C-alpha atoms as a PDB file:
ATOM      1  CA  MET A   1       5.001   3.540  18.194  1.00  0.00           C
ATOM      2  CA  SER A   2       2.175   4.094  15.842  1.00  0.00           C
ATOM      3  CA  LYS A   3      -0.403   0.687  15.121  1.00  0.00           C
ATOM      4  CA  PRO A   4      -0.209  -0.955  12.297  1.00  0.00           C
ATOM      5  CA  VAL A   5      -2.398   0.213   9.459  1.00  0.00           C
ATOM      6  CA  VAL A   6      -4.428  -2.382   7.539  1.00  0.00           C
ATOM      7  CA  ARG A   7      -6.003  -1.184   4.056  1.00  0.00           C
ATOM      8  CA  PHE A   8      -8.992  -3.278   2.943  1.00  0.00           C
ATOM      9  CA  ARG A   9      -9.977  -3.626  -0.699  1.00  0.00           C
ATOM     10  CA  ARG A  10     -11.805  -5.604  -2.910  1.00  0.00           C
ATOM     11  CA  ALA A  11     -10.004  -5.784  -6.944  1.00  0.00           C
ATOM     12  CA  ALA A  12      -9.292  -2.353  -6.797  1.00  0.00           C
ATOM     13  CA  LEU A  13     -11.263  -0.943  -5.013  1.00  0.00           C
ATOM     14  CA  PRO A  14     -10.463   0.399  -1.626  1.00  0.00           C
ATOM     15  CA  LEU A  15     -13.310  -0.843   1.249  1.00  0.00           C
ATOM     16  CA  ALA A  16     -11.242   0.771   4.404  1.00  0.00           C
ATOM     17  CA  THR A  17      -8.584   1.512   6.025  1.00  0.00           C
ATOM     18  CA  ILE A  18      -8.516   0.942  10.122  1.00  0.00           C
ATOM     19  CA  GLU A  19      -5.703   0.664  12.624  1.00  0.00           C
ATOM     20  CA  ALA A  20      -5.267  -3.178  14.397  1.00  0.00           C
ATOM     21  CA  GLU A  21      -5.340  -2.914  17.565  1.00  0.00           C
ATOM     22  CA  ILE A  22      -2.559  -5.649  19.606  1.00  0.00           C
ATOM     23  CA  ASP A  23      -4.224  -9.094  18.896  1.00  0.00           C
ATOM     24  CA  GLU A  24      -7.350  -8.100  16.862  1.00  0.00           C
ATOM     25  CA  THR A  25      -7.956 -10.536  14.036  1.00  0.00           C
ATOM     26  CA  LEU A  26      -8.725  -9.417  10.314  1.00  0.00           C
ATOM     27  CA  LEU A  27     -11.882 -10.553  10.951  1.00  0.00           C
ATOM     28  CA  ASP A  28     -12.643  -8.492  14.103  1.00  0.00           C
ATOM     29  CA  LEU A  29     -10.151  -6.038  12.004  1.00  0.00           C
ATOM     30  CA  ALA A  30     -13.286  -5.958   9.335  1.00  0.00           C
ATOM     31  CA  HIS A  31     -16.162  -6.025  10.679  1.00  0.00           C
ATOM     32  CA  ARG A  32     -14.981  -2.791  12.617  1.00  0.00           C
ATOM     33  CA  ALA A  33     -14.353  -0.998   9.535  1.00  0.00           C
ATOM     34  CA  GLY A  34     -17.827  -1.975   8.748  1.00  0.00           C
ATOM     35  CA  ILE A  35     -16.919  -5.011   6.065  1.00  0.00           C
ATOM     36  CA  SER A  36     -19.305  -7.570   6.320  1.00  0.00           C
ATOM     37  CA  VAL A  37     -16.995 -11.149   5.461  1.00  0.00           C
ATOM     38  CA  PRO A  38     -18.719 -14.641   5.997  1.00  0.00           C
ATOM     39  CA  SER A  39     -17.243 -16.820   8.909  1.00  0.00           C
ATOM     40  CA  ASN A  40     -18.377 -20.088  10.784  1.00  0.00           C
ATOM     41  CA  CYS A  41     -15.836 -20.150  13.582  1.00  0.00           C
ATOM     42  CA  LYS A  42     -12.677 -18.721  14.990  1.00  0.00           C
ATOM     43  CA  SER A  43     -10.487 -21.897  15.054  1.00  0.00           C
ATOM     44  CA  GLY A  44      -8.875 -21.564  11.299  1.00  0.00           C
ATOM     45  CA  THR A  45     -10.526 -24.699   9.695  1.00  0.00           C
ATOM     46  CA  CYS A  46     -12.553 -23.853   7.418  1.00  0.00           C
ATOM     47  CA  GLY A  47     -11.848 -21.338   4.828  1.00  0.00           C
ATOM     48  CA  THR A  48     -15.045 -19.284   5.008  1.00  0.00           C
ATOM     49  CA  CYS A  49     -13.357 -16.370   5.855  1.00  0.00           C
ATOM     50  CA  MET A  50     -10.382 -16.431   3.633  1.00  0.00           C
ATOM     51  CA  MET A  51      -8.790 -12.997   2.458  1.00  0.00           C
ATOM     52  CA  ARG A  52      -5.711 -12.233  -0.013  1.00  0.00           C
ATOM     53  CA  LEU A  53      -2.638 -10.685   1.837  1.00  0.00           C
ATOM     54  CA  VAL A  54      -1.277  -8.525  -1.025  1.00  0.00           C
ATOM     55  CA  SER A  55       1.172  -7.213   1.432  1.00  0.00           C
ATOM     56  CA  GLY A  56       2.244  -6.353   4.805  1.00  0.00           C
ATOM     57  CA  LYS A  57       2.485  -9.442   7.198  1.00  0.00           C
ATOM     58  CA  LEU A  58       0.804 -11.390   9.657  1.00  0.00           C
ATOM     59  CA  VAL A  59       0.992 -14.297  12.557  1.00  0.00           C
ATOM     60  CA  GLY A  60      -1.319 -17.252  13.789  1.00  0.00           C
ATOM     61  CA  LEU A  61      -1.138 -18.681  10.366  1.00  0.00           C
ATOM     62  CA  ASP A  62       2.064 -21.225  10.785  1.00  0.00           C
ATOM     63  CA  PRO A  63       1.727 -23.794  10.941  1.00  0.00           C
ATOM     64  CA  THR A  64      -0.545 -23.540   7.616  1.00  0.00           C
ATOM     65  CA  PRO A  65      -4.203 -24.329   9.446  1.00  0.00           C
ATOM     66  CA  PRO A  66      -6.665 -26.812   8.286  1.00  0.00           C
ATOM     67  CA  GLY A  67      -9.003 -24.446   6.027  1.00  0.00           C
ATOM     68  CA  LEU A  68      -5.921 -23.792   3.509  1.00  0.00           C
ATOM     69  CA  ASP A  69      -3.733 -25.948   1.672  1.00  0.00           C
ATOM     70  CA  GLU A  70       0.408 -25.028   0.250  1.00  0.00           C
ATOM     71  CA  ASP A  71      -1.243 -23.732  -3.652  1.00  0.00           C
ATOM     72  CA  ILE A  72      -3.024 -21.077  -2.310  1.00  0.00           C
ATOM     73  CA  VAL A  73      -1.458 -20.431   0.325  1.00  0.00           C
ATOM     74  CA  ALA A  74       1.599 -19.253  -2.108  1.00  0.00           C
ATOM     75  CA  ASP A  75      -0.899 -17.042  -4.013  1.00  0.00           C
ATOM     76  CA  GLY A  76      -1.582 -15.590  -0.394  1.00  0.00           C
ATOM     77  CA  ALA A  77      -4.961 -17.399   0.779  1.00  0.00           C
ATOM     78  CA  ILE A  78      -4.656 -16.446   4.229  1.00  0.00           C
ATOM     79  CA  LEU A  79      -7.779 -16.948   7.122  1.00  0.00           C
ATOM     80  CA  SER A  80      -8.798 -13.949   8.399  1.00  0.00           C
ATOM     81  CA  CYS A  81     -10.263 -15.526  12.030  1.00  0.00           C
ATOM     82  CA  ILE A  82      -6.617 -16.342  12.550  1.00  0.00           C
ATOM     83  CA  GLY A  83      -4.319 -13.868  11.282  1.00  0.00           C
ATOM     84  CA  ARG A  84      -3.614 -11.294  13.053  1.00  0.00           C
ATOM     85  CA  VAL A  85      -1.581  -8.338  11.984  1.00  0.00           C
ATOM     86  CA  ILE A  86       2.255  -7.380  12.710  1.00  0.00           C
ATOM     87  CA  ILE A  87       2.729  -4.794  10.431  1.00  0.00           C
ATOM     88  CA  SER A  88       1.048  -2.331   8.335  1.00  0.00           C
ATOM     89  CA  CYS A  89      -0.839  -4.891   5.517  1.00  0.00           C
ATOM     90  CA  GLU A  90      -3.087  -4.540   2.298  1.00  0.00           C
ATOM     91  CA  ILE A  91      -5.710  -7.320   2.103  1.00  0.00           C
ATOM     92  CA  ASP A  92      -8.254  -8.026  -1.064  1.00  0.00           C
ATOM     93  CA  VAL A  93     -11.716  -9.270   0.417  1.00  0.00           C
ATOM     94  CA  ILE A  94     -11.787 -11.644  -1.766  1.00  0.00           C
ATOM     95  CA  PRO A  95     -15.499 -13.225  -2.725  1.00  0.00           C
ATOM     96  CA  PRO A  96     -15.906 -17.375  -0.717  1.00  0.00           C
ATOM     97  CA  LEU A  97     -14.840 -19.747  -3.061  1.00  0.00           C
END
């Protein structure tokens, strides 16, 4: 079985495409792909490492972590420090809010 592929972008600008390893967080994937993402922890409580899920599916974000609220989750907000890829995804590396 092939590994899921993650395509990182900032708006319409492609940044990197990388295969995800089992249980690798999006934050770890971004760093491995050479993308600098601010982060303060790996507990899902602050929101510093927020990204936007454009397509695909992640695990580790249910229930909604304390660093997010339902309104921004409805717009695709995810925390890269705890989100793990289960199928290929496209991720918008949005600037920190």
